[in-house]
N, C-alpha and C. Protein backbone atom coordinates (compact mmCIF):
# COMPACT_ATOMS: atom_id res chain seq x y z
N MET A 1 71.60 28.67 -90.02
CA MET A 1 70.26 28.76 -89.50
C MET A 1 70.17 29.99 -88.59
N THR A 2 69.15 30.78 -88.79
CA THR A 2 68.98 32.01 -88.01
C THR A 2 68.36 31.71 -86.65
N ARG A 3 68.41 32.69 -85.79
CA ARG A 3 67.81 32.56 -84.46
C ARG A 3 66.32 32.25 -84.58
N VAL A 4 65.63 32.95 -85.47
CA VAL A 4 64.20 32.74 -85.63
C VAL A 4 63.93 31.31 -86.12
N ASP A 5 64.74 30.81 -87.03
CA ASP A 5 64.58 29.43 -87.49
C ASP A 5 64.76 28.44 -86.35
N ARG A 6 65.76 28.66 -85.52
CA ARG A 6 66.00 27.76 -84.38
C ARG A 6 64.83 27.82 -83.39
N LEU A 7 64.32 29.02 -83.14
CA LEU A 7 63.19 29.14 -82.21
C LEU A 7 61.96 28.45 -82.77
N ARG A 8 61.70 28.62 -84.06
CA ARG A 8 60.55 27.95 -84.68
C ARG A 8 60.71 26.43 -84.59
N ALA A 9 61.93 25.93 -84.78
CA ALA A 9 62.19 24.49 -84.67
C ALA A 9 61.92 23.99 -83.26
N ASP A 10 62.08 24.88 -82.26
CA ASP A 10 61.81 24.52 -80.87
C ASP A 10 60.34 24.73 -80.49
N GLY A 11 59.51 25.08 -81.46
CA GLY A 11 58.08 25.20 -81.20
C GLY A 11 57.57 26.60 -80.92
N TRP A 12 58.44 27.61 -81.02
CA TRP A 12 57.98 28.97 -80.79
C TRP A 12 56.99 29.36 -81.88
N GLU A 13 56.04 30.21 -81.52
CA GLU A 13 54.94 30.57 -82.41
C GLU A 13 54.91 32.07 -82.68
N ASP A 14 54.25 32.44 -83.78
CA ASP A 14 54.09 33.86 -84.08
C ASP A 14 53.29 34.52 -82.96
N CYS A 15 53.74 35.69 -82.57
CA CYS A 15 53.04 36.45 -81.53
C CYS A 15 51.75 37.01 -82.11
N GLU A 16 50.69 36.90 -81.34
CA GLU A 16 49.40 37.44 -81.78
C GLU A 16 48.89 38.50 -80.82
N TYR A 17 49.73 38.90 -79.88
CA TYR A 17 49.33 39.89 -78.87
C TYR A 17 49.22 41.27 -79.50
N GLU A 18 48.22 42.01 -79.15
CA GLU A 18 48.00 43.37 -79.65
C GLU A 18 48.07 43.44 -81.18
N GLU A 19 47.60 42.40 -81.83
CA GLU A 19 47.60 42.33 -83.28
C GLU A 19 49.00 42.46 -83.88
N CYS A 20 50.00 42.00 -83.18
CA CYS A 20 51.39 42.02 -83.65
C CYS A 20 51.53 41.11 -84.87
N ASN A 21 50.87 39.96 -84.83
CA ASN A 21 50.91 38.98 -85.92
C ASN A 21 52.32 38.61 -86.34
N GLY A 22 53.21 38.53 -85.40
CA GLY A 22 54.57 38.11 -85.69
C GLY A 22 55.49 39.19 -86.23
N SER A 23 55.00 40.42 -86.31
CA SER A 23 55.83 41.50 -86.85
C SER A 23 56.79 42.06 -85.81
N GLY A 24 56.45 41.90 -84.53
CA GLY A 24 57.25 42.47 -83.46
C GLY A 24 56.93 43.92 -83.16
N ILE A 25 55.97 44.48 -83.90
CA ILE A 25 55.59 45.88 -83.74
C ILE A 25 54.18 45.97 -83.15
N ALA A 26 54.00 46.86 -82.20
CA ALA A 26 52.68 47.07 -81.61
C ALA A 26 51.79 47.77 -82.64
N ALA A 27 50.90 47.00 -83.27
CA ALA A 27 50.08 47.51 -84.37
C ALA A 27 49.18 48.67 -83.96
N HIS A 28 48.68 48.64 -82.73
CA HIS A 28 47.76 49.70 -82.31
C HIS A 28 48.45 51.06 -82.28
N PHE A 29 49.77 51.07 -82.14
CA PHE A 29 50.51 52.32 -82.05
C PHE A 29 50.36 53.13 -83.33
N CYS A 30 50.46 52.48 -84.50
CA CYS A 30 50.39 53.21 -85.76
C CYS A 30 49.00 53.80 -86.00
N GLU A 31 47.99 53.16 -85.41
CA GLU A 31 46.65 53.73 -85.53
C GLU A 31 46.53 55.01 -84.72
N GLU A 32 47.27 55.09 -83.61
CA GLU A 32 47.18 56.24 -82.72
C GLU A 32 48.18 57.34 -83.06
N SER A 33 49.31 56.98 -83.65
CA SER A 33 50.39 57.94 -83.91
C SER A 33 50.93 57.79 -85.33
N ARG A 34 50.13 58.15 -86.30
CA ARG A 34 50.53 57.97 -87.70
C ARG A 34 51.78 58.77 -88.07
N ASP A 35 51.96 59.95 -87.51
CA ASP A 35 53.15 60.75 -87.83
C ASP A 35 54.42 60.03 -87.41
N ARG A 36 54.43 59.49 -86.21
CA ARG A 36 55.63 58.79 -85.72
C ARG A 36 55.88 57.52 -86.53
N CYS A 37 54.83 56.82 -86.92
CA CYS A 37 55.00 55.61 -87.74
C CYS A 37 55.55 55.97 -89.11
N ALA A 38 55.11 57.09 -89.66
CA ALA A 38 55.63 57.51 -90.96
C ALA A 38 57.12 57.80 -90.90
N ARG A 39 57.61 58.22 -89.72
CA ARG A 39 59.04 58.47 -89.55
C ARG A 39 59.81 57.19 -89.22
N GLY A 40 59.11 56.08 -89.13
CA GLY A 40 59.77 54.81 -88.84
C GLY A 40 59.91 54.49 -87.37
N GLU A 41 59.22 55.23 -86.52
CA GLU A 41 59.27 54.99 -85.08
C GLU A 41 58.18 53.98 -84.72
N HIS A 42 58.57 52.73 -84.64
CA HIS A 42 57.62 51.68 -84.32
C HIS A 42 58.00 51.05 -82.99
N PRO A 43 57.14 51.14 -81.99
CA PRO A 43 57.45 50.52 -80.71
C PRO A 43 57.33 49.00 -80.82
N GLU A 44 58.13 48.33 -80.03
CA GLU A 44 58.08 46.87 -80.01
C GLU A 44 56.81 46.40 -79.32
N CYS A 45 56.34 45.26 -79.75
CA CYS A 45 55.21 44.61 -79.08
C CYS A 45 55.66 44.27 -77.66
N SER A 46 54.83 44.56 -76.68
CA SER A 46 55.22 44.32 -75.29
C SER A 46 55.26 42.83 -74.94
N ASN A 47 54.62 42.00 -75.73
CA ASN A 47 54.58 40.57 -75.44
C ASN A 47 55.83 39.86 -75.97
N CYS A 48 56.21 40.12 -77.21
CA CYS A 48 57.35 39.42 -77.81
C CYS A 48 58.61 40.28 -77.83
N GLN A 49 58.52 41.51 -77.36
CA GLN A 49 59.66 42.43 -77.27
C GLN A 49 60.35 42.61 -78.61
N GLY A 50 59.56 42.65 -79.67
CA GLY A 50 60.10 42.90 -81.00
C GLY A 50 60.62 41.67 -81.71
N LEU A 51 60.59 40.52 -81.06
CA LEU A 51 61.11 39.29 -81.66
C LEU A 51 60.14 38.73 -82.69
N GLY A 52 58.85 38.90 -82.45
CA GLY A 52 57.84 38.38 -83.36
C GLY A 52 57.41 36.96 -83.04
N LEU A 53 58.08 36.33 -82.07
CA LEU A 53 57.77 34.97 -81.67
C LEU A 53 57.59 34.89 -80.16
N VAL A 54 56.80 33.92 -79.71
CA VAL A 54 56.63 33.67 -78.28
C VAL A 54 56.80 32.18 -78.03
N PRO A 55 57.26 31.82 -76.83
CA PRO A 55 57.43 30.40 -76.52
C PRO A 55 56.08 29.71 -76.38
N PRO A 56 56.02 28.42 -76.68
CA PRO A 56 54.75 27.70 -76.50
C PRO A 56 54.39 27.64 -75.02
N ASP A 57 53.11 27.54 -74.74
CA ASP A 57 52.63 27.53 -73.36
C ASP A 57 53.28 26.43 -72.54
N GLY A 58 53.47 25.25 -73.12
CA GLY A 58 54.08 24.15 -72.39
C GLY A 58 55.48 24.49 -71.89
N MET A 59 56.24 25.20 -72.70
CA MET A 59 57.59 25.61 -72.30
C MET A 59 57.51 26.62 -71.16
N VAL A 60 56.57 27.53 -71.25
CA VAL A 60 56.41 28.55 -70.21
C VAL A 60 56.01 27.89 -68.89
N TYR A 61 55.06 26.95 -68.94
CA TYR A 61 54.61 26.29 -67.72
C TYR A 61 55.71 25.44 -67.11
N ALA A 62 56.51 24.76 -67.96
CA ALA A 62 57.63 23.96 -67.44
C ALA A 62 58.65 24.86 -66.75
N ALA A 63 58.97 25.99 -67.36
CA ALA A 63 59.92 26.93 -66.76
C ALA A 63 59.34 27.52 -65.48
N THR A 64 58.04 27.77 -65.47
CA THR A 64 57.40 28.33 -64.28
C THR A 64 57.46 27.34 -63.12
N ARG A 65 57.19 26.07 -63.40
CA ARG A 65 57.26 25.05 -62.35
C ARG A 65 58.69 24.93 -61.82
N LYS A 66 59.66 25.07 -62.71
CA LYS A 66 61.07 24.99 -62.29
C LYS A 66 61.42 26.17 -61.39
N VAL A 67 61.04 27.36 -61.84
CA VAL A 67 61.37 28.58 -61.09
C VAL A 67 60.66 28.62 -59.74
N PHE A 68 59.39 28.24 -59.74
CA PHE A 68 58.59 28.33 -58.51
C PHE A 68 58.45 26.99 -57.80
N ARG A 69 59.33 26.04 -58.11
CA ARG A 69 59.44 24.74 -57.42
C ARG A 69 58.14 23.96 -57.34
N GLY A 70 57.49 23.82 -58.48
CA GLY A 70 56.32 22.97 -58.54
C GLY A 70 55.01 23.62 -58.15
N VAL A 71 55.05 24.81 -57.60
CA VAL A 71 53.82 25.50 -57.20
C VAL A 71 53.36 26.34 -58.38
N MET A 72 52.13 26.13 -58.81
CA MET A 72 51.62 26.92 -59.93
C MET A 72 51.27 28.32 -59.44
N PRO A 73 52.03 29.30 -59.86
CA PRO A 73 51.81 30.67 -59.39
C PRO A 73 50.68 31.38 -60.11
N ALA A 74 50.46 32.60 -59.69
CA ALA A 74 49.43 33.45 -60.30
C ALA A 74 49.81 33.81 -61.73
N GLY A 75 48.82 34.27 -62.50
CA GLY A 75 49.01 34.61 -63.90
C GLY A 75 50.12 35.61 -64.17
N PHE A 76 50.24 36.61 -63.31
CA PHE A 76 51.26 37.62 -63.57
C PHE A 76 52.66 37.02 -63.44
N GLN A 77 52.83 36.00 -62.59
CA GLN A 77 54.13 35.36 -62.48
C GLN A 77 54.44 34.52 -63.71
N ILE A 78 53.42 33.89 -64.28
CA ILE A 78 53.60 33.14 -65.52
C ILE A 78 54.04 34.09 -66.62
N GLU A 79 53.43 35.25 -66.68
CA GLU A 79 53.80 36.23 -67.71
C GLU A 79 55.22 36.73 -67.50
N ARG A 80 55.66 36.83 -66.26
CA ARG A 80 57.05 37.24 -65.99
C ARG A 80 58.02 36.19 -66.50
N VAL A 81 57.69 34.92 -66.32
CA VAL A 81 58.56 33.84 -66.82
C VAL A 81 58.57 33.86 -68.34
N ARG A 82 57.39 34.06 -68.97
CA ARG A 82 57.31 34.13 -70.44
C ARG A 82 58.19 35.29 -70.94
N ALA A 83 58.10 36.42 -70.27
CA ALA A 83 58.91 37.58 -70.67
C ALA A 83 60.40 37.28 -70.53
N GLY A 84 60.76 36.53 -69.50
CA GLY A 84 62.16 36.16 -69.31
C GLY A 84 62.66 35.25 -70.42
N LEU A 85 61.84 34.30 -70.85
CA LEU A 85 62.22 33.42 -71.95
C LEU A 85 62.38 34.21 -73.25
N VAL A 86 61.47 35.14 -73.47
CA VAL A 86 61.55 35.96 -74.69
C VAL A 86 62.80 36.83 -74.65
N ALA A 87 63.07 37.43 -73.50
CA ALA A 87 64.26 38.29 -73.38
C ALA A 87 65.54 37.49 -73.60
N ALA A 88 65.58 36.28 -73.06
CA ALA A 88 66.77 35.45 -73.26
C ALA A 88 66.95 35.09 -74.73
N ALA A 89 65.86 34.75 -75.40
CA ALA A 89 65.95 34.42 -76.82
C ALA A 89 66.34 35.64 -77.65
N ARG A 90 65.80 36.77 -77.26
CA ARG A 90 66.08 38.00 -78.02
C ARG A 90 67.54 38.41 -77.92
N TRP A 91 68.14 38.21 -76.78
CA TRP A 91 69.52 38.66 -76.58
C TRP A 91 70.55 37.55 -76.81
N GLU A 92 70.11 36.46 -77.38
CA GLU A 92 71.04 35.40 -77.73
C GLU A 92 72.10 35.96 -78.67
N ALA A 93 73.33 35.57 -78.45
CA ALA A 93 74.41 36.08 -79.29
C ALA A 93 74.22 35.62 -80.73
N PRO A 94 74.30 36.52 -81.70
CA PRO A 94 74.14 36.15 -83.11
C PRO A 94 75.18 35.11 -83.51
N GLY A 95 74.75 34.16 -84.32
CA GLY A 95 75.67 33.18 -84.84
C GLY A 95 75.90 31.98 -83.92
N GLU A 96 75.27 31.98 -82.76
CA GLU A 96 75.45 30.84 -81.84
C GLU A 96 74.28 29.91 -81.93
């Protein structure tokens, strides 16, 4: 079972930020820089960091409450926790 399969089994969803649609690539970039896209230079989506998946909101809120000890923080702090979950999933050792 691949990392993506395991994440999907845990409820992770396709990223829809910046029209990524689960590709992991910032779609707006190719509209602005066609030459670089033709060379294969595709920047990662800033939301899913190239993974193509994001954690469900419930997981993010649970992690946020754990990190911030029950106090619901501001939106930017929630996004920092979401980014941390994505980074951890992205750097998971292959085959584990």
